[in-house]
Amino acid sequence: MTLDISSFVQQIFHFLYHVIYRDLWGCYTLLTVKAKLLWYSINNLTIGDFLDKQASIRPNKTVYIDGDRHWTYRQFNQYTNQVANYFHKEGYKPGDEIALIMESRPEYIVTFTGPFNKYP
């Protein structure tokens, strides 16, 4: 009987400590992201604005790892700006549709993000 109660208490402790903590942390993280997205939306900011801010705050922080390649915020932002400038020079404007077909590689994310930057 004592072993059953001890086992039950351990299961309750495990549930409270591990599962609920994990779920509460997940909810906190989700709400934080939603609040930041709402703030960006209200202030009419773009992904490019976010990247500019991160590149100025932490330019050498790794944002993306692909095998032995590490992309910093500075590199990511520079490449994204090159893509945005290319689309701007080609005459694309907000509201135009763009299709992107390429293999899965880091450049895909950067190329996908580029058109969302504000044009110069």
PDB file of N, CA and C in Angstrom:
ATOM      1  N   MET A   1       0.820  -1.199   0.000  1.00  0.00           N
ATOM      2  CA  MET A   1       0.000   0.000   0.000  1.00  0.00           C
ATOM      3  C   MET A   1       0.862   1.260   0.000  1.00  0.00           C
ATOM      4  N   THR A   2       1.936   1.245   0.789  1.00  0.00           N
ATOM      5  CA  THR A   2       2.822   2.396   0.859  1.00  0.00           C
ATOM      6  C   THR A   2       3.503   2.635  -0.480  1.00  0.00           C
ATOM      7  N   LEU A   3       3.875   1.582  -1.137  1.00  0.00           N
ATOM      8  CA  LEU A   3       4.531   1.695  -2.437  1.00  0.00           C
ATOM      9  C   LEU A   3       3.593   2.319  -3.467  1.00  0.00           C
ATOM     10  N   ASP A   4       2.322   1.975  -3.415  1.00  0.00           N
ATOM     11  CA  ASP A   4       1.354   2.544  -4.350  1.00  0.00           C
ATOM     12  C   ASP A   4       1.190   4.038  -4.132  1.00  0.00           C
ATOM     13  N   ILE A   5       1.129   4.461  -2.881  1.00  0.00           N
ATOM     14  CA  ILE A   5       0.970   5.888  -2.571  1.00  0.00           C
ATOM     15  C   ILE A   5       2.223   6.645  -2.993  1.00  0.00           C
ATOM     16  N   SER A   6       3.387   6.075  -2.716  1.00  0.00           N
ATOM     17  CA  SER A   6       4.649   6.701  -3.098  1.00  0.00           C
ATOM     18  C   SER A   6       4.740   6.836  -4.619  1.00  0.00           C
ATOM     19  N   SER A   7       4.359   5.810  -5.329  1.00  0.00           N
ATOM     20  CA  SER A   7       4.383   5.841  -6.788  1.00  0.00           C
ATOM     21  C   SER A   7       3.406   6.887  -7.322  1.00  0.00           C
ATOM     22  N   PHE A   8       2.238   6.965  -6.714  1.00  0.00           N
ATOM     23  CA  PHE A   8       1.230   7.936  -7.120  1.00  0.00           C
ATOM     24  C   PHE A   8       1.737   9.361  -6.892  1.00  0.00           C
ATOM     25  N   VAL A   9       2.356   9.595  -5.744  1.00  0.00           N
ATOM     26  CA  VAL A   9       2.895  10.924  -5.434  1.00  0.00           C
ATOM     27  C   VAL A   9       4.001  11.283  -6.428  1.00  0.00           C
ATOM     28  N   GLN A  10       4.840  10.325  -6.775  1.00  0.00           N
ATOM     29  CA  GLN A  10       5.895  10.580  -7.755  1.00  0.00           C
ATOM     30  C   GLN A  10       5.312  10.929  -9.123  1.00  0.00           C
ATOM     31  N   GLN A  11       4.252  10.251  -9.512  1.00  0.00           N
ATOM     32  CA  GLN A  11       3.619  10.546 -10.802  1.00  0.00           C
ATOM     33  C   GLN A  11       3.011  11.944 -10.803  1.00  0.00           C
ATOM     34  N   ILE A  12       2.369  12.305  -9.698  1.00  0.00           N
ATOM     35  CA  ILE A  12       1.782  13.651  -9.587  1.00  0.00           C
ATOM     36  C   ILE A  12       2.891  14.698  -9.647  1.00  0.00           C
ATOM     37  N   PHE A  13       3.974  14.465  -8.897  1.00  0.00           N
ATOM     38  CA  PHE A  13       5.096  15.401  -8.913  1.00  0.00           C
ATOM     39  C   PHE A  13       5.666  15.528 -10.324  1.00  0.00           C
ATOM     40  N   HIS A  14       5.866  14.415 -10.989  1.00  0.00           N
ATOM     41  CA  HIS A  14       6.390  14.441 -12.362  1.00  0.00           C
ATOM     42  C   HIS A  14       5.472  15.252 -13.266  1.00  0.00           C
ATOM     43  N   PHE A  15       4.175  15.022 -13.137  1.00  0.00           N
ATOM     44  CA  PHE A  15       3.208  15.746 -13.961  1.00  0.00           C
ATOM     45  C   PHE A  15       3.278  17.240 -13.687  1.00  0.00           C
ATOM     46  N   LEU A  16       3.240  17.606 -12.410  1.00  0.00           N
ATOM     47  CA  LEU A  16       3.238  19.025 -12.062  1.00  0.00           C
ATOM     48  C   LEU A  16       4.545  19.706 -12.451  1.00  0.00           C
ATOM     49  N   TYR A  17       5.647  19.036 -12.187  1.00  0.00           N
ATOM     50  CA  TYR A  17       6.936  19.673 -12.428  1.00  0.00           C
ATOM     51  C   TYR A  17       7.313  19.699 -13.907  1.00  0.00           C
ATOM     52  N   HIS A  18       7.161  18.609 -14.591  1.00  0.00           N
ATOM     53  CA  HIS A  18       7.633  18.530 -15.974  1.00  0.00           C
ATOM     54  C   HIS A  18       6.575  18.947 -16.993  1.00  0.00           C
ATOM     55  N   VAL A  19       5.423  18.368 -16.924  1.00  0.00           N
ATOM     56  CA  VAL A  19       4.410  18.593 -17.952  1.00  0.00           C
ATOM     57  C   VAL A  19       3.806  19.985 -17.847  1.00  0.00           C
ATOM     58  N   ILE A  20       3.358  20.374 -16.665  1.00  0.00           N
ATOM     59  CA  ILE A  20       2.729  21.688 -16.530  1.00  0.00           C
ATOM     60  C   ILE A  20       3.753  22.793 -16.757  1.00  0.00           C
ATOM     61  N   TYR A  21       4.974  22.621 -16.238  1.00  0.00           N
ATOM     62  CA  TYR A  21       6.023  23.616 -16.473  1.00  0.00           C
ATOM     63  C   TYR A  21       6.263  23.793 -17.971  1.00  0.00           C
ATOM     64  N   ARG A  22       6.375  22.678 -18.679  1.00  0.00           N
ATOM     65  CA  ARG A  22       6.588  22.731 -20.130  1.00  0.00           C
ATOM     66  C   ARG A  22       5.437  23.450 -20.824  1.00  0.00           C
ATOM     67  N   ASP A  23       4.213  23.114 -20.439  1.00  0.00           N
ATOM     68  CA  ASP A  23       3.049  23.724 -21.078  1.00  0.00           C
ATOM     69  C   ASP A  23       2.947  25.210 -20.765  1.00  0.00           C
ATOM     70  N   LEU A  24       3.220  25.590 -19.518  1.00  0.00           N
ATOM     71  CA  LEU A  24       3.178  27.009 -19.160  1.00  0.00           C
ATOM     72  C   LEU A  24       4.266  27.789 -19.896  1.00  0.00           C
ATOM     73  N   TRP A  25       5.448  27.191 -20.016  1.00  0.00           N
ATOM     74  CA  TRP A  25       6.526  27.848 -20.756  1.00  0.00           C
ATOM     75  C   TRP A  25       6.142  27.992 -22.229  1.00  0.00           C
ATOM     76  N   GLY A  26       5.523  26.980 -22.795  1.00  0.00           N
ATOM     77  CA  GLY A  26       5.066  27.054 -24.176  1.00  0.00           C
ATOM     78  C   GLY A  26       4.024  28.144 -24.367  1.00  0.00           C
ATOM     79  N   CYS A  27       3.078  28.253 -23.433  1.00  0.00           N
ATOM     80  CA  CYS A  27       2.054  29.309 -23.510  1.00  0.00           C
ATOM     81  C   CYS A  27       2.691  30.686 -23.407  1.00  0.00           C
ATOM     82  N   TYR A  28       3.643  30.833 -22.491  1.00  0.00           N
ATOM     83  CA  TYR A  28       4.341  32.112 -22.336  1.00  0.00           C
ATOM     84  C   TYR A  28       5.055  32.493 -23.637  1.00  0.00           C
ATOM     85  N   THR A  29       5.763  31.540 -24.218  1.00  0.00           N
ATOM     86  CA  THR A  29       6.491  31.791 -25.460  1.00  0.00           C
ATOM     87  C   THR A  29       5.531  32.164 -26.585  1.00  0.00           C
ATOM     88  N   LEU A  30       4.436  31.425 -26.712  1.00  0.00           N
ATOM     89  CA  LEU A  30       3.447  31.708 -27.749  1.00  0.00           C
ATOM     90  C   LEU A  30       2.846  33.101 -27.575  1.00  0.00           C
ATOM     91  N   LEU A  31       2.483  33.457 -26.345  1.00  0.00           N
ATOM     92  CA  LEU A  31       1.903  34.774 -26.095  1.00  0.00           C
ATOM     93  C   LEU A  31       2.915  35.885 -26.364  1.00  0.00           C
ATOM     94  N   THR A  32       4.177  35.645 -26.043  1.00  0.00           N
ATOM     95  CA  THR A  32       5.216  36.638 -26.324  1.00  0.00           C
ATOM     96  C   THR A  32       5.358  36.865 -27.823  1.00  0.00           C
ATOM     97  N   VAL A  33       5.384  35.791 -28.582  1.00  0.00           N
ATOM     98  CA  VAL A  33       5.492  35.908 -30.043  1.00  0.00           C
ATOM     99  C   VAL A  33       4.263  36.611 -30.606  1.00  0.00           C
ATOM    100  N   LYS A  34       3.076  36.238 -30.127  1.00  0.00           N
ATOM    101  CA  LYS A  34       1.849  36.875 -30.615  1.00  0.00           C
ATOM    102  C   LYS A  34       1.843  38.368 -30.294  1.00  0.00           C
ATOM    103  N   ALA A  35       2.321  38.750 -29.105  1.00  0.00           N
ATOM    104  CA  ALA A  35       2.379  40.162 -28.724  1.00  0.00           C
ATOM    105  C   ALA A  35       3.338  40.925 -29.635  1.00  0.00           C
ATOM    106  N   LYS A  36       4.490  40.327 -29.936  1.00  0.00           N
ATOM    107  CA  LYS A  36       5.445  40.991 -30.830  1.00  0.00           C
ATOM    108  C   LYS A  36       4.874  41.132 -32.233  1.00  0.00           C
ATOM    109  N   LEU A  37       4.203  40.086 -32.726  1.00  0.00           N
ATOM    110  CA  LEU A  37       3.592  40.163 -34.054  1.00  0.00           C
ATOM    111  C   LEU A  37       2.508  41.231 -34.100  1.00  0.00           C
ATOM    112  N   LEU A  38       1.712  41.325 -33.041  1.00  0.00           N
ATOM    113  CA  LEU A  38       0.676  42.354 -32.972  1.00  0.00           C
ATOM    114  C   LEU A  38       1.309  43.736 -32.977  1.00  0.00           C
ATOM    115  N   TRP A  39       2.385  43.912 -32.210  1.00  0.00           N
ATOM    116  CA  TRP A  39       3.076  45.199 -32.162  1.00  0.00           C
ATOM    117  C   TRP A  39       3.611  45.568 -33.540  1.00  0.00           C
ATOM    118  N   TYR A  40       4.222  44.609 -34.232  1.00  0.00           N
ATOM    119  CA  TYR A  40       4.733  44.867 -35.581  1.00  0.00           C
ATOM    120  C   TYR A  40       3.591  45.208 -36.535  1.00  0.00           C
ATOM    121  N   SER A  41       2.474  44.518 -36.396  1.00  0.00           N
ATOM    122  CA  SER A  41       1.325  44.767 -37.264  1.00  0.00           C
ATOM    123  C   SER A  41       0.735  46.156 -37.019  1.00  0.00           C
ATOM    124  N   ILE A  42       0.557  46.518 -35.762  1.00  0.00           N
ATOM    125  CA  ILE A  42      -0.013  47.823 -35.417  1.00  0.00           C
ATOM    126  C   ILE A  42       0.878  48.950 -35.925  1.00  0.00           C
ATOM    127  N   ASN A  43       2.181  48.770 -35.821  1.00  0.00           N
ATOM    128  CA  ASN A  43       3.129  49.800 -36.240  1.00  0.00           C
ATOM    129  C   ASN A  43       3.515  49.695 -37.714  1.00  0.00           C
ATOM    130  N   ASN A  44       2.838  48.806 -38.455  1.00  0.00           N
ATOM    131  CA  ASN A  44       3.054  48.643 -39.894  1.00  0.00           C
ATOM    132  C   ASN A  44       4.522  48.355 -40.228  1.00  0.00           C
ATOM    133  N   LEU A  45       5.118  47.449 -39.446  1.00  0.00           N
ATOM    134  CA  LEU A  45       6.509  47.067 -39.659  1.00  0.00           C
ATOM    135  C   LEU A  45       6.570  45.752 -40.422  1.00  0.00           C
ATOM    136  N   THR A  46       7.667  45.521 -41.115  1.00  0.00           N
ATOM    137  CA  THR A  46       7.818  44.332 -41.955  1.00  0.00           C
ATOM    138  C   THR A  46       8.899  43.408 -41.407  1.00  0.00           C
ATOM    139  N   ILE A  47       9.048  42.272 -42.061  1.00  0.00           N
ATOM    140  CA  ILE A  47      10.127  41.351 -41.722  1.00  0.00           C
ATOM    141  C   ILE A  47      11.467  42.057 -41.911  1.00  0.00           C
ATOM    142  N   GLY A  48      11.560  42.879 -42.917  1.00  0.00           N
ATOM    143  CA  GLY A  48      12.788  43.636 -43.157  1.00  0.00           C
ATOM    144  C   GLY A  48      13.133  44.554 -41.999  1.00  0.00           C
ATOM    145  N   ASP A  49      12.114  45.183 -41.405  1.00  0.00           N
ATOM    146  CA  ASP A  49      12.350  46.031 -40.232  1.00  0.00           C
ATOM    147  C   ASP A  49      12.894  45.208 -39.069  1.00  0.00           C
ATOM    148  N   PHE A  50      12.311  44.025 -38.882  1.00  0.00           N
ATOM    149  CA  PHE A  50      12.783  43.131 -37.820  1.00  0.00           C
ATOM    150  C   PHE A  50      14.241  42.745 -38.058  1.00  0.00           C
ATOM    151  N   LEU A  51      14.571  42.360 -39.293  1.00  0.00           N
ATOM    152  CA  LEU A  51      15.947  41.964 -39.609  1.00  0.00           C
ATOM    153  C   LEU A  51      16.918  43.126 -39.446  1.00  0.00           C
ATOM    154  N   ASP A  52      16.513  44.323 -39.864  1.00  0.00           N
ATOM    155  CA  ASP A  52      17.372  45.498 -39.678  1.00  0.00           C
ATOM    156  C   ASP A  52      17.666  45.721 -38.201  1.00  0.00           C
ATOM    157  N   LYS A  53      16.627  45.607 -37.383  1.00  0.00           N
ATOM    158  CA  LYS A  53      16.797  45.813 -35.941  1.00  0.00           C
ATOM    159  C   LYS A  53      17.728  44.757 -35.354  1.00  0.00           C
ATOM    160  N   GLN A  54      17.495  43.492 -35.696  1.00  0.00           N
ATOM    161  CA  GLN A  54      18.331  42.420 -35.155  1.00  0.00           C
ATOM    162  C   GLN A  54      19.771  42.545 -35.650  1.00  0.00           C
ATOM    163  N   ALA A  55      19.953  42.937 -36.903  1.00  0.00           N
ATOM    164  CA  ALA A  55      21.302  43.088 -37.455  1.00  0.00           C
ATOM    165  C   ALA A  55      22.052  44.231 -36.782  1.00  0.00           C
ATOM    166  N   SER A  56      21.327  45.255 -36.340  1.00  0.00           N
ATOM    167  CA  SER A  56      22.001  46.360 -35.652  1.00  0.00           C
ATOM    168  C   SER A  56      22.270  46.027 -34.184  1.00  0.00           C
ATOM    169  N   ILE A  57      21.383  45.254 -33.561  1.00  0.00           N
ATOM    170  CA  ILE A  57      21.555  44.900 -32.148  1.00  0.00           C
ATOM    171  C   ILE A  57      22.598  43.804 -31.973  1.00  0.00           C
ATOM    172  N   ARG A  58      22.501  42.754 -32.762  1.00  0.00           N
ATOM    173  CA  ARG A  58      23.380  41.581 -32.618  1.00  0.00           C
ATOM    174  C   ARG A  58      23.855  41.094 -33.988  1.00  0.00           C
ATOM    175  N   PRO A  59      24.714  41.861 -34.640  1.00  0.00           N
ATOM    176  CA  PRO A  59      25.114  41.524 -36.010  1.00  0.00           C
ATOM    177  C   PRO A  59      25.843  40.191 -36.158  1.00  0.00           C
ATOM    178  N   ASN A  60      26.569  39.771 -35.147  1.00  0.00           N
ATOM    179  CA  ASN A  60      27.373  38.549 -35.272  1.00  0.00           C
ATOM    180  C   ASN A  60      26.718  37.323 -34.660  1.00  0.00           C
ATOM    181  N   LYS A  61      25.482  37.457 -34.204  1.00  0.00           N
ATOM    182  CA  LYS A  61      24.775  36.312 -33.632  1.00  0.00           C
ATOM    183  C   LYS A  61      24.298  35.401 -34.763  1.00  0.00           C
ATOM    184  N   THR A  62      24.466  34.109 -34.575  1.00  0.00           N
ATOM    185  CA  THR A  62      24.057  33.142 -35.591  1.00  0.00           C
ATOM    186  C   THR A  62      22.540  33.050 -35.629  1.00  0.00           C
ATOM    187  N   VAL A  63      21.987  33.196 -36.816  1.00  0.00           N
ATOM    188  CA  VAL A  63      20.542  33.110 -36.990  1.00  0.00           C
ATOM    189  C   VAL A  63      20.145  31.820 -37.699  1.00  0.00           C
ATOM    190  N   TYR A  64      21.086  31.228 -38.436  1.00  0.00           N
ATOM    191  CA  TYR A  64      20.749  30.039 -39.214  1.00  0.00           C
ATOM    192  C   TYR A  64      22.001  29.192 -39.384  1.00  0.00           C
ATOM    193  N   ILE A  65      21.859  27.888 -39.184  1.00  0.00           N
ATOM    194  CA  ILE A  65      22.975  26.958 -39.353  1.00  0.00           C
ATOM    195  C   ILE A  65      22.579  25.914 -40.385  1.00  0.00           C
ATOM    196  N   ASP A  66      23.460  25.713 -41.359  1.00  0.00           N
ATOM    197  CA  ASP A  66      23.250  24.683 -42.371  1.00  0.00           C
ATOM    198  C   ASP A  66      24.554  23.917 -42.530  1.00  0.00           C
ATOM    199  N   GLY A  67      24.632  22.768 -41.892  1.00  0.00           N
ATOM    200  CA  GLY A  67      25.868  21.991 -41.932  1.00  0.00           C
ATOM    201  C   GLY A  67      26.986  22.756 -41.264  1.00  0.00           C
ATOM    202  N   ASP A  68      28.027  23.065 -42.029  1.00  0.00           N
ATOM    203  CA  ASP A  68      29.141  23.820 -41.463  1.00  0.00           C
ATOM    204  C   ASP A  68      29.032  25.320 -41.746  1.00  0.00           C
ATOM    205  N   ARG A  69      27.969  25.734 -42.403  1.00  0.00           N
ATOM    206  CA  ARG A  69      27.747  27.158 -42.691  1.00  0.00           C
ATOM    207  C   ARG A  69      26.911  27.792 -41.592  1.00  0.00           C
ATOM    208  N   HIS A  70      27.377  28.929 -41.098  1.00  0.00           N
ATOM    209  CA  HIS A  70      26.650  29.688 -40.086  1.00  0.00           C
ATOM    210  C   HIS A  70      26.330  31.065 -40.666  1.00  0.00           C
ATOM    211  N   TRP A  71      25.050  31.425 -40.635  1.00  0.00           N
ATOM    212  CA  TRP A  71      24.627  32.732 -41.129  1.00  0.00           C
ATOM    213  C   TRP A  71      24.382  33.633 -39.923  1.00  0.00           C
ATOM    214  N   THR A  72      24.993  34.814 -39.936  1.00  0.00           N
ATOM    215  CA  THR A  72      24.740  35.782 -38.877  1.00  0.00           C
ATOM    216  C   THR A  72      23.587  36.689 -39.304  1.00  0.00           C
ATOM    217  N   TYR A  73      23.078  37.462 -38.346  1.00  0.00           N
ATOM    218  CA  TYR A  73      22.013  38.411 -38.685  1.00  0.00           C
ATOM    219  C   TYR A  73      22.501  39.398 -39.744  1.00  0.00           C
ATOM    220  N   ARG A  74      23.772  39.820 -39.659  1.00  0.00           N
ATOM    221  CA  ARG A  74      24.296  40.766 -40.633  1.00  0.00           C
ATOM    222  C   ARG A  74      24.276  40.161 -42.040  1.00  0.00           C
ATOM    223  N   GLN A  75      24.783  38.933 -42.177  1.00  0.00           N
ATOM    224  CA  GLN A  75      24.810  38.273 -43.489  1.00  0.00           C
ATOM    225  C   GLN A  75      23.396  38.042 -44.014  1.00  0.00           C
ATOM    226  N   PHE A  76      22.519  37.566 -43.147  1.00  0.00           N
ATOM    227  CA  PHE A  76      21.135  37.297 -43.528  1.00  0.00           C
ATOM    228  C   PHE A  76      20.468  38.578 -44.018  1.00  0.00           C
ATOM    229  N   ASN A  77      20.665  39.664 -43.271  1.00  0.00           N
ATOM    230  CA  ASN A  77      20.051  40.938 -43.622  1.00  0.00           C
ATOM    231  C   ASN A  77      20.620  41.489 -44.930  1.00  0.00           C
ATOM    232  N   GLN A  78      21.932  41.393 -45.119  1.00  0.00           N
ATOM    233  CA  GLN A  78      22.542  41.891 -46.358  1.00  0.00           C
ATOM    234  C   GLN A  78      22.016  41.136 -47.577  1.00  0.00           C
ATOM    235  N   TYR A  79      21.951  39.821 -47.474  1.00  0.00           N
ATOM    236  CA  TYR A  79      21.470  39.008 -48.593  1.00  0.00           C
ATOM    237  C   TYR A  79      19.993  39.304 -48.867  1.00  0.00           C
ATOM    238  N   THR A  80      19.213  39.437 -47.811  1.00  0.00           N
ATOM    239  CA  THR A  80      17.790  39.742 -47.964  1.00  0.00           C
ATOM    240  C   THR A  80      17.603  41.096 -48.635  1.00  0.00           C
ATOM    241  N   ASN A  81      18.409  42.077 -48.251  1.00  0.00           N
ATOM    242  CA  ASN A  81      18.325  43.395 -48.884  1.00  0.00           C
ATOM    243  C   ASN A  81      18.703  43.328 -50.359  1.00  0.00           C
ATOM    244  N   GLN A  82      19.679  42.496 -50.715  1.00  0.00           N
ATOM    245  CA  GLN A  82      20.042  42.323 -52.126  1.00  0.00           C
ATOM    246  C   GLN A  82      18.860  41.772 -52.918  1.00  0.00           C
ATOM    247  N   VAL A  83      18.169  40.796 -52.338  1.00  0.00           N
ATOM    248  CA  VAL A  83      16.999  40.213 -53.008  1.00  0.00           C
ATOM    249  C   VAL A  83      15.905  41.266 -53.155  1.00  0.00           C
ATOM    250  N   ALA A  84      15.654  42.036 -52.085  1.00  0.00           N
ATOM    251  CA  ALA A  84      14.624  43.081 -52.137  1.00  0.00           C
ATOM    252  C   ALA A  84      14.967  44.126 -53.194  1.00  0.00           C
ATOM    253  N   ASN A  85      16.220  44.532 -53.249  1.00  0.00           N
ATOM    254  CA  ASN A  85      16.637  45.522 -54.252  1.00  0.00           C
ATOM    255  C   ASN A  85      16.487  44.979 -55.668  1.00  0.00           C
ATOM    256  N   TYR A  86      16.782  43.700 -55.865  1.00  0.00           N
ATOM    257  CA  TYR A  86      16.622  43.088 -57.181  1.00  0.00           C
ATOM    258  C   TYR A  86      15.160  43.167 -57.628  1.00  0.00           C
ATOM    259  N   PHE A  87      14.248  42.752 -56.756  1.00  0.00           N
ATOM    260  CA  PHE A  87      12.832  42.778 -57.125  1.00  0.00           C
ATOM    261  C   PHE A  87      12.360  44.204 -57.374  1.00  0.00           C
ATOM    262  N   HIS A  88      12.870  45.144 -56.587  1.00  0.00           N
ATOM    263  CA  HIS A  88      12.493  46.541 -56.787  1.00  0.00           C
ATOM    264  C   HIS A  88      12.985  47.044 -58.148  1.00  0.00           C
ATOM    265  N   LYS A  89      14.237  46.726 -58.492  1.00  0.00           N
ATOM    266  CA  LYS A  89      14.794  47.158 -59.782  1.00  0.00           C
ATOM    267  C   LYS A  89      14.064  46.521 -60.959  1.00  0.00           C
ATOM    268  N   GLU A  90      13.549  45.305 -60.770  1.00  0.00           N
ATOM    269  CA  GLU A  90      12.818  44.622 -61.839  1.00  0.00           C
ATOM    270  C   GLU A  90      11.386  45.131 -61.976  1.00  0.00           C
ATOM    271  N   GLY A  91      10.983  46.040 -61.088  1.00  0.00           N
ATOM    272  CA  GLY A  91       9.669  46.652 -61.212  1.00  0.00           C
ATOM    273  C   GLY A  91       8.564  46.016 -60.381  1.00  0.00           C
ATOM    274  N   TYR A  92       8.909  45.068 -59.543  1.00  0.00           N
ATOM    275  CA  TYR A  92       7.888  44.466 -58.683  1.00  0.00           C
ATOM    276  C   TYR A  92       7.504  45.453 -57.592  1.00  0.00           C
ATOM    277  N   LYS A  93       6.251  45.412 -57.198  1.00  0.00           N
ATOM    278  CA  LYS A  93       5.767  46.304 -56.145  1.00  0.00           C
ATOM    279  C   LYS A  93       4.864  45.512 -55.204  1.00  0.00           C
ATOM    280  N   PRO A  94       4.574  46.051 -54.024  1.00  0.00           N
ATOM    281  CA  PRO A  94       3.702  45.328 -53.090  1.00  0.00           C
ATOM    282  C   PRO A  94       2.380  44.950 -53.751  1.00  0.00           C
ATOM    283  N   GLY A  95       1.967  43.726 -53.544  1.00  0.00           N
ATOM    284  CA  GLY A  95       0.735  43.216 -54.136  1.00  0.00           C
ATOM    285  C   GLY A  95       0.979  42.309 -55.329  1.00  0.00           C
ATOM    286  N   ASP A  96       2.166  42.415 -55.941  1.00  0.00           N
ATOM    287  CA  ASP A  96       2.509  41.523 -57.053  1.00  0.00           C
ATOM    288  C   ASP A  96       2.744  40.114 -56.523  1.00  0.00           C
ATOM    289  N   GLU A  97       2.440  39.139 -57.358  1.00  0.00           N
ATOM    290  CA  GLU A  97       2.643  37.744 -56.964  1.00  0.00           C
ATOM    291  C   GLU A  97       3.984  37.253 -57.476  1.00  0.00           C
ATOM    292  N   ILE A  98       4.686  36.531 -56.605  1.00  0.00           N
ATOM    293  CA  ILE A  98       6.001  35.994 -56.942  1.00  0.00           C
ATOM    294  C   ILE A  98       6.006  34.514 -56.592  1.00  0.00           C
ATOM    295  N   ALA A  99       6.470  33.671 -57.508  1.00  0.00           N
ATOM    296  CA  ALA A  99       6.599  32.234 -57.232  1.00  0.00           C
ATOM    297  C   ALA A  99       8.079  31.919 -57.039  1.00  0.00           C
ATOM    298  N   LEU A 100       8.367  31.109 -56.052  1.00  0.00           N
ATOM    299  CA  LEU A 100       9.745  30.732 -55.762  1.00  0.00           C
ATOM    300  C   LEU A 100       9.852  29.216 -55.793  1.00  0.00           C
ATOM    301  N   ILE A 101      10.605  28.715 -56.754  1.00  0.00           N
ATOM    302  CA  ILE A 101      10.798  27.270 -56.878  1.00  0.00           C
ATOM    303  C   ILE A 101      12.299  27.011 -56.885  1.00  0.00           C
ATOM    304  N   MET A 102      12.772  26.377 -55.836  1.00  0.00           N
ATOM    305  CA  MET A 102      14.185  26.026 -55.749  1.00  0.00           C
ATOM    306  C   MET A 102      14.356  24.934 -54.707  1.00  0.00           C
ATOM    307  N   GLU A 103      15.525  24.303 -54.698  1.00  0.00           N
ATOM    308  CA  GLU A 103      15.774  23.228 -53.744  1.00  0.00           C
ATOM    309  C   GLU A 103      15.889  23.795 -52.331  1.00  0.00           C
ATOM    310  N   SER A 104      15.775  22.918 -51.363  1.00  0.00           N
ATOM    311  CA  SER A 104      15.844  23.322 -49.969  1.00  0.00           C
ATOM    312  C   SER A 104      17.289  23.629 -49.582  1.00  0.00           C
ATOM    313  N   ARG A 105      17.550  24.891 -49.303  1.00  0.00           N
ATOM    314  CA  ARG A 105      18.867  25.346 -48.875  1.00  0.00           C
ATOM    315  C   ARG A 105      18.701  26.680 -48.167  1.00  0.00           C
ATOM    316  N   PRO A 106      19.709  27.183 -47.476  1.00  0.00           N
ATOM    317  CA  PRO A 106      19.565  28.435 -46.728  1.00  0.00           C
ATOM    318  C   PRO A 106      19.139  29.608 -47.605  1.00  0.00           C
ATOM    319  N   GLU A 107      19.592  29.624 -48.839  1.00  0.00           N
ATOM    320  CA  GLU A 107      19.233  30.719 -49.727  1.00  0.00           C
ATOM    321  C   GLU A 107      17.728  30.781 -49.981  1.00  0.00           C
ATOM    322  N   TYR A 108      17.036  29.659 -49.827  1.00  0.00           N
ATOM    323  CA  TYR A 108      15.583  29.650 -50.022  1.00  0.00           C
ATOM    324  C   TYR A 108      14.919  30.578 -49.013  1.00  0.00           C
ATOM    325  N   ILE A 109      15.315  30.454 -47.753  1.00  0.00           N
ATOM    326  CA  ILE A 109      14.715  31.282 -46.707  1.00  0.00           C
ATOM    327  C   ILE A 109      15.012  32.751 -46.963  1.00  0.00           C
ATOM    328  N   VAL A 110      16.245  33.057 -47.308  1.00  0.00           N
ATOM    329  CA  VAL A 110      16.630  34.442 -47.553  1.00  0.00           C
ATOM    330  C   VAL A 110      15.915  34.993 -48.780  1.00  0.00           C
ATOM    331  N   THR A 111      15.841  34.204 -49.839  1.00  0.00           N
ATOM    332  CA  THR A 111      15.169  34.645 -51.060  1.00  0.00           C
ATOM    333  C   THR A 111      13.673  34.808 -50.827  1.00  0.00           C
ATOM    334  N   PHE A 112      13.097  33.940 -50.008  1.00  0.00           N
ATOM    335  CA  PHE A 112      11.682  34.043 -49.683  1.00  0.00           C
ATOM    336  C   PHE A 112      11.408  35.293 -48.849  1.00  0.00           C
ATOM    337  N   THR A 113      12.332  35.631 -47.951  1.00  0.00           N
ATOM    338  CA  THR A 113      12.154  36.771 -47.054  1.00  0.00           C
ATOM    339  C   THR A 113      12.389  38.096 -47.768  1.00  0.00           C
ATOM    340  N   GLY A 114      13.270  38.119 -48.758  1.00  0.00           N
ATOM    341  CA  GLY A 114      13.648  39.355 -49.438  1.00  0.00           C
ATOM    342  C   GLY A 114      12.504  40.221 -49.927  1.00  0.00           C
ATOM    343  N   PRO A 115      11.540  39.666 -50.656  1.00  0.00           N
ATOM    344  CA  PRO A 115      10.459  40.515 -51.177  1.00  0.00           C
ATOM    345  C   PRO A 115       9.590  41.165 -50.095  1.00  0.00           C
ATOM    346  N   PHE A 116       9.674  40.675 -48.856  1.00  0.00           N
ATOM    347  CA  PHE A 116       8.877  41.270 -47.785  1.00  0.00           C
ATOM    348  C   PHE A 116       9.521  42.516 -47.202  1.00  0.00           C
ATOM    349  N   ASN A 117      10.771  42.788 -47.568  1.00  0.00           N
ATOM    350  CA  ASN A 117      11.438  43.994 -47.084  1.00  0.00           C
ATOM    351  C   ASN A 117      10.772  45.218 -47.686  1.00  0.00           C
ATOM    352  N   LYS A 118      10.851  46.323 -46.949  1.00  0.00           N
ATOM    353  CA  LYS A 118      10.388  47.581 -47.526  1.00  0.00           C
ATOM    354  C   LYS A 118      11.367  47.982 -48.613  1.00  0.00           C
ATOM    355  N   TYR A 119      10.838  48.514 -49.676  1.00  0.00           N
ATOM    356  CA  TYR A 119      11.706  48.916 -50.772  1.00  0.00           C
ATOM    357  C   TYR A 119      12.412  50.216 -50.419  1.00  0.00           C
ATOM    358  N   PRO A 120      13.614  50.390 -50.947  1.00  0.00           N
ATOM    359  CA  PRO A 120      14.399  51.601 -50.640  1.00  0.00           C
ATOM    360  C   PRO A 120      13.742  52.855 -51.177  1.00  0.00           C
TER     361      PRO A 120
END
